[in-house]
Amino acid sequence: MSRIEESELIINPDGSVFHLHIKPGELAKNIILVGDPGRVDTVASSFDKTDYHSTNREFVSRTGTYKGTPVTVLSTGIGTDNIDIVLNELDALVNIDFESRTIKEEKTSLNIVRIGTSGSLQKDLPVDSWLLSHKAIGFDGLLNFYDGCEGICNLGFEKKLMEETGWSERLTKPYVVEASDKLFNLLDAPIVYKGVTISAPGFYGPQGRVLRLPLKDAQINDKLSAFRYEDERITNYEMECSAIYGLSKLMGHHAATVCAIIANRKAGAYSKDYKPVIKSLIQYVLDRLAH
């Protein structure tokens, strides 16, 4: 089995992986991803105990147990570029032998749940609700750099989306990936909305916001809200889900994203105080993982 060079997998002097500063053996199989480093301690405050912790740049982690179930909570910062770092290093921690720098024969599959915030593209999807992403549409292009992406993507959805929106050749080709059935079913409940989530490569122009710069396509959000593929509609914007779903599928992990809807772009509404909504959502996810 070929050895992975030092330039490809960078290991810190203390034996931890380069960006996350987590060592093999310090990671639980159940992982909660949050964007905001400040939200890590909010999640960890519910743990029975905390065994490991790390901090490097925007990557903050705590590993402990919740109702006896091992859980790691990790902040990713914003964007799919960060997710590329996070998912590859999480996988390396469990599926690469750091001593020999070789891929392990027996693979470990992680359960990865992103808890985030999001903006609705449908008027009937209310502020302060929870949305579980059945599919993710990547406007970021990240997955297109990896071999095998066509085999896990919904190519029919992608084709129709580009045709009906008049997708510009100057834009990165979107990709569409489904959540893990296992985690989707675990997190599903009557109180949770379900939908198709766009992961945008920016907060302003890529999500149809206008400040001083005009958009290339001023009708993009109307087109996305009206789009239908079979019986599904696009429900919301966020900035990480597509890369989590795509990389997890390619690596053999399970992934799902559930977001608090803090803004309704069609209604022009914004949550008066979404922090209690996030806190309740965190508790819901922890209880489901420990079920």
Protein backbone atom coordinates (compact mmCIF):
# COMPACT_ATOMS: atom_id res chain seq x y z
CA MET A 1 0.00 0.00 0.00
CA SER A 2 1.44 3.37 -1.01
CA ARG A 3 2.67 5.82 1.60
CA ILE A 4 1.05 9.29 1.79
CA GLU A 5 3.76 11.93 1.63
CA GLU A 6 4.35 14.58 4.31
CA SER A 7 3.33 17.34 1.90
CA GLU A 8 -0.09 15.71 1.31
CA LEU A 9 -1.05 14.80 4.88
CA ILE A 10 0.50 17.30 7.26
CA ILE A 11 0.79 16.07 10.86
CA ASN A 12 1.70 18.50 13.62
CA PRO A 13 4.64 17.77 15.98
CA ASP A 14 2.18 16.71 18.71
CA GLY A 15 0.64 14.08 16.40
CA SER A 16 -2.51 16.03 15.58
CA VAL A 17 -3.87 16.64 12.09
CA PHE A 18 -2.75 19.95 10.53
CA HIS A 19 -5.76 22.29 10.68
CA LEU A 20 -8.09 20.68 13.21
CA HIS A 21 -5.40 19.94 15.82
CA ILE A 22 -7.20 16.72 16.74
CA LYS A 23 -5.25 13.50 17.32
CA PRO A 24 -6.31 9.99 16.28
CA GLY A 25 -8.36 8.50 19.10
CA GLU A 26 -9.75 11.88 20.15
CA LEU A 27 -12.66 11.84 17.69
CA ALA A 28 -16.11 10.36 18.33
CA LYS A 29 -18.02 8.60 15.54
CA ASN A 30 -20.96 10.98 16.10
CA ILE A 31 -19.95 14.47 14.98
CA ILE A 32 -21.89 17.73 15.12
CA LEU A 33 -20.61 20.50 12.85
CA VAL A 34 -21.41 24.15 13.57
CA GLY A 35 -20.19 27.20 11.71
CA ASP A 36 -19.65 29.52 14.65
CA PRO A 37 -16.78 28.65 17.03
CA GLY A 38 -18.80 30.27 19.80
CA ARG A 39 -21.53 27.68 19.33
CA VAL A 40 -19.20 24.79 20.21
CA ASP A 41 -19.42 25.38 23.95
CA THR A 42 -23.20 25.79 23.67
CA VAL A 43 -23.36 22.23 22.34
CA ALA A 44 -20.71 20.88 24.74
CA SER A 45 -22.48 22.41 27.75
CA SER A 46 -25.01 19.57 27.44
CA PHE A 47 -22.33 16.85 27.56
CA ASP A 48 -22.08 14.57 30.59
CA LYS A 49 -18.33 15.19 30.44
CA THR A 50 -15.70 16.54 28.03
CA ASP A 51 -12.61 14.43 27.39
CA TYR A 52 -10.74 16.31 24.64
CA HIS A 53 -10.63 19.84 23.30
CA SER A 54 -8.73 21.72 20.61
CA THR A 55 -8.56 25.24 19.16
CA ASN A 56 -6.89 26.43 15.97
CA ARG A 57 -8.14 29.42 13.98
CA GLU A 58 -11.86 28.90 13.34
CA PHE A 59 -11.63 25.18 14.13
CA VAL A 60 -12.69 24.57 17.74
CA SER A 61 -13.61 21.11 18.97
CA ARG A 62 -14.88 19.34 22.08
CA THR A 63 -15.24 15.56 22.42
CA GLY A 64 -17.21 14.02 25.24
CA THR A 65 -20.36 12.03 25.96
CA TYR A 66 -24.05 12.90 25.93
CA LYS A 67 -26.27 10.43 27.79
CA GLY A 68 -23.40 7.97 27.48
CA THR A 69 -23.04 8.43 23.70
CA PRO A 70 -19.64 9.72 22.48
CA VAL A 71 -20.01 12.98 20.52
CA THR A 72 -17.58 15.45 18.96
CA VAL A 73 -18.69 19.01 18.23
CA LEU A 74 -16.51 20.96 15.80
CA SER A 75 -16.74 24.44 14.31
CA THR A 76 -16.01 24.81 10.61
CA GLY A 77 -16.19 28.53 9.97
CA ILE A 78 -18.04 29.65 6.85
CA GLY A 79 -18.01 28.09 3.40
CA THR A 80 -17.40 24.89 1.49
CA ASP A 81 -13.67 25.63 1.18
CA ASN A 82 -13.46 25.10 4.94
CA ILE A 83 -15.59 21.96 4.64
CA ASP A 84 -13.01 20.52 2.23
CA ILE A 85 -10.44 20.85 5.04
CA VAL A 86 -12.76 19.56 7.76
CA LEU A 87 -14.11 16.48 5.96
CA ASN A 88 -10.73 15.36 4.60
CA GLU A 89 -9.06 15.73 8.01
CA LEU A 90 -11.92 14.02 9.88
CA ASP A 91 -11.68 11.10 7.46
CA ALA A 92 -7.89 11.00 7.80
CA LEU A 93 -8.20 10.74 11.59
CA VAL A 94 -10.15 7.49 11.37
CA ASN A 95 -9.13 5.95 8.04
CA ILE A 96 -5.40 6.71 7.71
CA ASP A 97 -2.71 5.24 9.95
CA PHE A 98 -0.66 8.27 11.00
CA GLU A 99 2.37 6.14 11.87
CA SER A 100 2.73 4.33 8.55
CA ARG A 101 0.95 7.05 6.52
CA THR A 102 -1.10 4.41 4.74
CA ILE A 103 -4.85 3.99 4.25
CA LYS A 104 -6.37 1.48 6.66
CA GLU A 105 -7.87 -1.67 5.15
CA GLU A 106 -10.89 -1.55 7.48
CA LYS A 107 -12.73 1.76 7.09
CA THR A 108 -14.64 3.66 9.78
CA SER A 109 -17.88 5.42 8.86
CA LEU A 110 -18.73 8.63 10.74
CA ASN A 111 -22.15 10.15 11.47
CA ILE A 112 -21.89 13.86 10.62
CA VAL A 113 -24.72 16.30 11.40
CA ARG A 114 -24.46 19.98 10.55
CA ILE A 115 -26.53 22.35 12.70
CA GLY A 116 -26.76 25.75 11.06
CA THR A 117 -28.78 28.80 10.16
CA SER A 118 -30.42 29.43 6.83
CA GLY A 119 -32.61 31.71 4.73
CA SER A 120 -35.87 30.46 3.23
CA LEU A 121 -36.71 30.80 -0.48
CA GLN A 122 -40.36 29.81 0.02
CA LYS A 123 -42.92 32.13 1.56
CA ASP A 124 -44.65 29.31 3.44
CA LEU A 125 -41.46 28.20 5.19
CA PRO A 126 -41.63 30.28 8.37
CA VAL A 127 -38.91 32.04 10.30
CA ASP A 128 -37.82 30.15 13.44
CA SER A 129 -38.71 26.75 11.97
CA TRP A 130 -36.28 23.85 11.46
CA LEU A 131 -35.44 22.46 8.02
CA LEU A 132 -33.83 19.09 7.30
CA SER A 133 -32.06 19.02 3.93
CA HIS A 134 -33.06 16.02 1.82
CA LYS A 135 -30.84 17.19 -1.03
CA ALA A 136 -28.12 19.82 -1.36
CA ILE A 137 -27.31 21.82 -4.48
CA GLY A 138 -23.70 22.99 -4.62
CA PHE A 139 -23.16 26.30 -6.38
CA ASP A 140 -19.57 26.17 -5.09
CA GLY A 141 -18.09 23.64 -7.52
CA LEU A 142 -15.99 21.89 -4.87
CA LEU A 143 -17.15 18.36 -5.57
CA ASN A 144 -16.30 18.70 -9.27
CA PHE A 145 -12.59 18.48 -8.32
CA TYR A 146 -13.02 14.89 -7.08
CA ASP A 147 -13.23 11.75 -9.21
CA GLY A 148 -16.45 9.79 -8.85
CA CYS A 149 -18.73 12.77 -8.24
CA GLU A 150 -20.96 11.89 -11.22
CA GLY A 151 -21.75 8.56 -9.60
CA ILE A 152 -23.23 10.12 -6.46
CA CYS A 153 -24.94 13.17 -8.00
CA ASN A 154 -28.46 13.57 -9.38
CA LEU A 155 -27.56 14.44 -12.97
CA GLY A 156 -31.18 14.84 -14.11
CA PHE A 157 -31.83 17.44 -11.40
CA GLU A 158 -28.65 19.29 -12.36
CA LYS A 159 -29.51 19.38 -16.06
CA LYS A 160 -33.06 20.65 -15.56
CA LEU A 161 -31.92 23.29 -13.07
CA MET A 162 -29.36 24.70 -15.50
CA GLU A 163 -31.84 24.66 -18.38
CA GLU A 164 -34.71 26.34 -16.53
CA THR A 165 -32.62 29.03 -14.86
CA GLY A 166 -30.59 29.84 -17.99
CA TRP A 167 -27.40 28.97 -16.11
CA SER A 168 -24.50 31.12 -17.27
CA GLU A 169 -21.43 29.43 -18.74
CA ARG A 170 -19.32 31.73 -16.58
CA LEU A 171 -20.70 30.10 -13.43
CA THR A 172 -19.44 26.87 -11.89
CA LYS A 173 -21.62 23.88 -12.79
CA PRO A 174 -23.95 23.04 -9.88
CA TYR A 175 -24.04 19.55 -8.37
CA VAL A 176 -26.86 17.84 -6.46
CA VAL A 177 -26.29 15.28 -3.67
CA GLU A 178 -28.68 13.56 -1.26
CA ALA A 179 -28.43 13.27 2.50
CA SER A 180 -27.69 9.94 4.15
CA ASP A 181 -30.94 7.97 4.45
CA LYS A 182 -29.81 6.73 7.85
CA LEU A 183 -29.36 10.21 9.37
CA PHE A 184 -32.24 11.79 7.46
CA ASN A 185 -34.63 9.21 8.94
CA LEU A 186 -33.06 9.63 12.38
CA LEU A 187 -33.65 13.39 12.37
CA ASP A 188 -37.01 13.38 10.61
CA ALA A 189 -40.11 14.28 12.63
CA PRO A 190 -43.47 16.03 12.05
CA ILE A 191 -42.09 19.25 13.58
CA VAL A 192 -39.22 19.37 11.06
CA TYR A 193 -39.69 20.77 7.54
CA LYS A 194 -37.95 18.95 4.69
CA GLY A 195 -36.49 20.45 1.54
CA VAL A 196 -33.74 21.02 -0.99
CA THR A 197 -30.93 23.32 0.13
CA ILE A 198 -28.59 25.46 -1.96
CA SER A 199 -25.04 25.89 -0.69
CA ALA A 200 -23.84 29.22 -2.06
CA PRO A 201 -20.17 30.28 -2.40
CA GLY A 202 -20.93 33.68 -0.86
CA PHE A 203 -23.46 35.55 1.26
CA TYR A 204 -24.30 38.51 -0.98
CA GLY A 205 -24.28 38.15 -4.78
CA PRO A 206 -24.31 34.32 -4.79
CA GLN A 207 -27.48 34.43 -2.65
CA GLY A 208 -29.13 37.16 -4.70
CA ARG A 209 -28.46 40.04 -2.30
CA VAL A 210 -27.83 43.49 -3.72
CA LEU A 211 -25.93 46.23 -1.90
CA ARG A 212 -23.84 48.32 -4.33
CA LEU A 213 -23.08 45.70 -6.98
CA PRO A 214 -25.83 44.62 -9.40
CA LEU A 215 -26.41 40.92 -10.02
CA LYS A 216 -25.60 39.12 -13.24
CA ASP A 217 -29.12 37.65 -13.05
CA ALA A 218 -31.51 39.90 -11.11
CA GLN A 219 -34.28 37.25 -11.25
CA ILE A 220 -32.21 34.35 -9.93
CA ASN A 221 -34.06 33.96 -6.60
CA ASP A 222 -37.46 34.05 -8.30
CA LYS A 223 -36.29 31.37 -10.73
CA LEU A 224 -34.99 29.20 -7.90
CA SER A 225 -38.17 29.58 -5.83
CA ALA A 226 -40.32 28.60 -8.81
CA PHE A 227 -38.15 25.65 -9.88
CA ARG A 228 -39.53 22.13 -9.47
CA TYR A 229 -37.90 18.77 -10.10
CA GLU A 230 -40.41 15.92 -9.89
CA ASP A 231 -42.14 16.61 -6.55
CA GLU A 232 -39.34 18.67 -4.97
CA ARG A 233 -38.73 22.40 -4.66
CA ILE A 234 -35.76 24.46 -3.56
CA THR A 235 -36.40 25.66 -0.03
CA ASN A 236 -33.40 27.53 1.35
CA TYR A 237 -29.88 28.94 1.11
CA GLU A 238 -26.88 28.23 3.31
CA MET A 239 -23.13 27.79 2.67
CA GLU A 240 -21.80 24.34 3.67
CA CYS A 241 -24.28 21.50 3.16
CA SER A 242 -23.41 20.44 -0.41
CA ALA A 243 -19.74 19.79 0.33
CA ILE A 244 -20.61 17.87 3.51
CA TYR A 245 -23.02 15.63 1.60
CA GLY A 246 -20.76 15.14 -1.40
CA LEU A 247 -17.50 14.43 0.40
CA SER A 248 -19.25 12.22 2.96
CA LYS A 249 -20.77 10.06 0.22
CA LEU A 250 -17.45 9.75 -1.62
CA MET A 251 -15.67 8.74 1.61
CA GLY A 252 -18.37 6.42 2.94
CA HIS A 253 -19.67 8.57 5.81
CA HIS A 254 -23.25 9.48 6.76
CA ALA A 255 -24.27 13.15 6.67
CA ALA A 256 -27.34 15.29 7.24
CA THR A 257 -27.95 19.01 7.74
CA VAL A 258 -30.67 20.61 9.81
CA CYS A 259 -30.93 24.40 9.94
CA ALA A 260 -32.91 26.98 11.82
CA ILE A 261 -34.64 29.26 9.33
CA ILE A 262 -33.71 32.74 10.56
CA ALA A 263 -34.78 34.73 7.48
CA ASN A 264 -37.51 34.43 4.86
CA ARG A 265 -36.20 36.00 1.66
CA LYS A 266 -39.61 35.94 -0.08
CA ALA A 267 -41.46 37.53 2.83
CA GLY A 268 -38.64 39.89 3.82
CA ALA A 269 -38.83 38.59 7.40
CA TYR A 270 -36.01 38.03 9.90
CA SER A 271 -36.05 36.25 13.27
CA LYS A 272 -36.38 38.56 16.27
CA ASP A 273 -34.20 36.20 18.35
CA TYR A 274 -33.04 32.92 16.79
CA LYS A 275 -30.67 31.87 19.60
CA PRO A 276 -33.35 29.99 21.59
CA VAL A 277 -34.39 28.27 18.34
CA ILE A 278 -30.80 27.10 17.76
CA LYS A 279 -30.49 25.94 21.36
CA SER A 280 -33.65 23.84 21.06
CA LEU A 281 -32.40 22.42 17.77
CA ILE A 282 -29.08 21.44 19.35
CA GLN A 283 -30.92 19.59 22.11
CA TYR A 284 -33.12 17.85 19.54
CA VAL A 285 -30.10 16.64 17.53
CA LEU A 286 -28.22 15.45 20.62
CA ASP A 287 -31.26 13.49 21.82
CA ARG A 288 -31.64 11.86 18.41
CA LEU A 289 -27.96 10.87 18.23
CA ALA A 290 -28.16 9.37 21.71
CA HIS A 291 -31.45 7.54 20.98
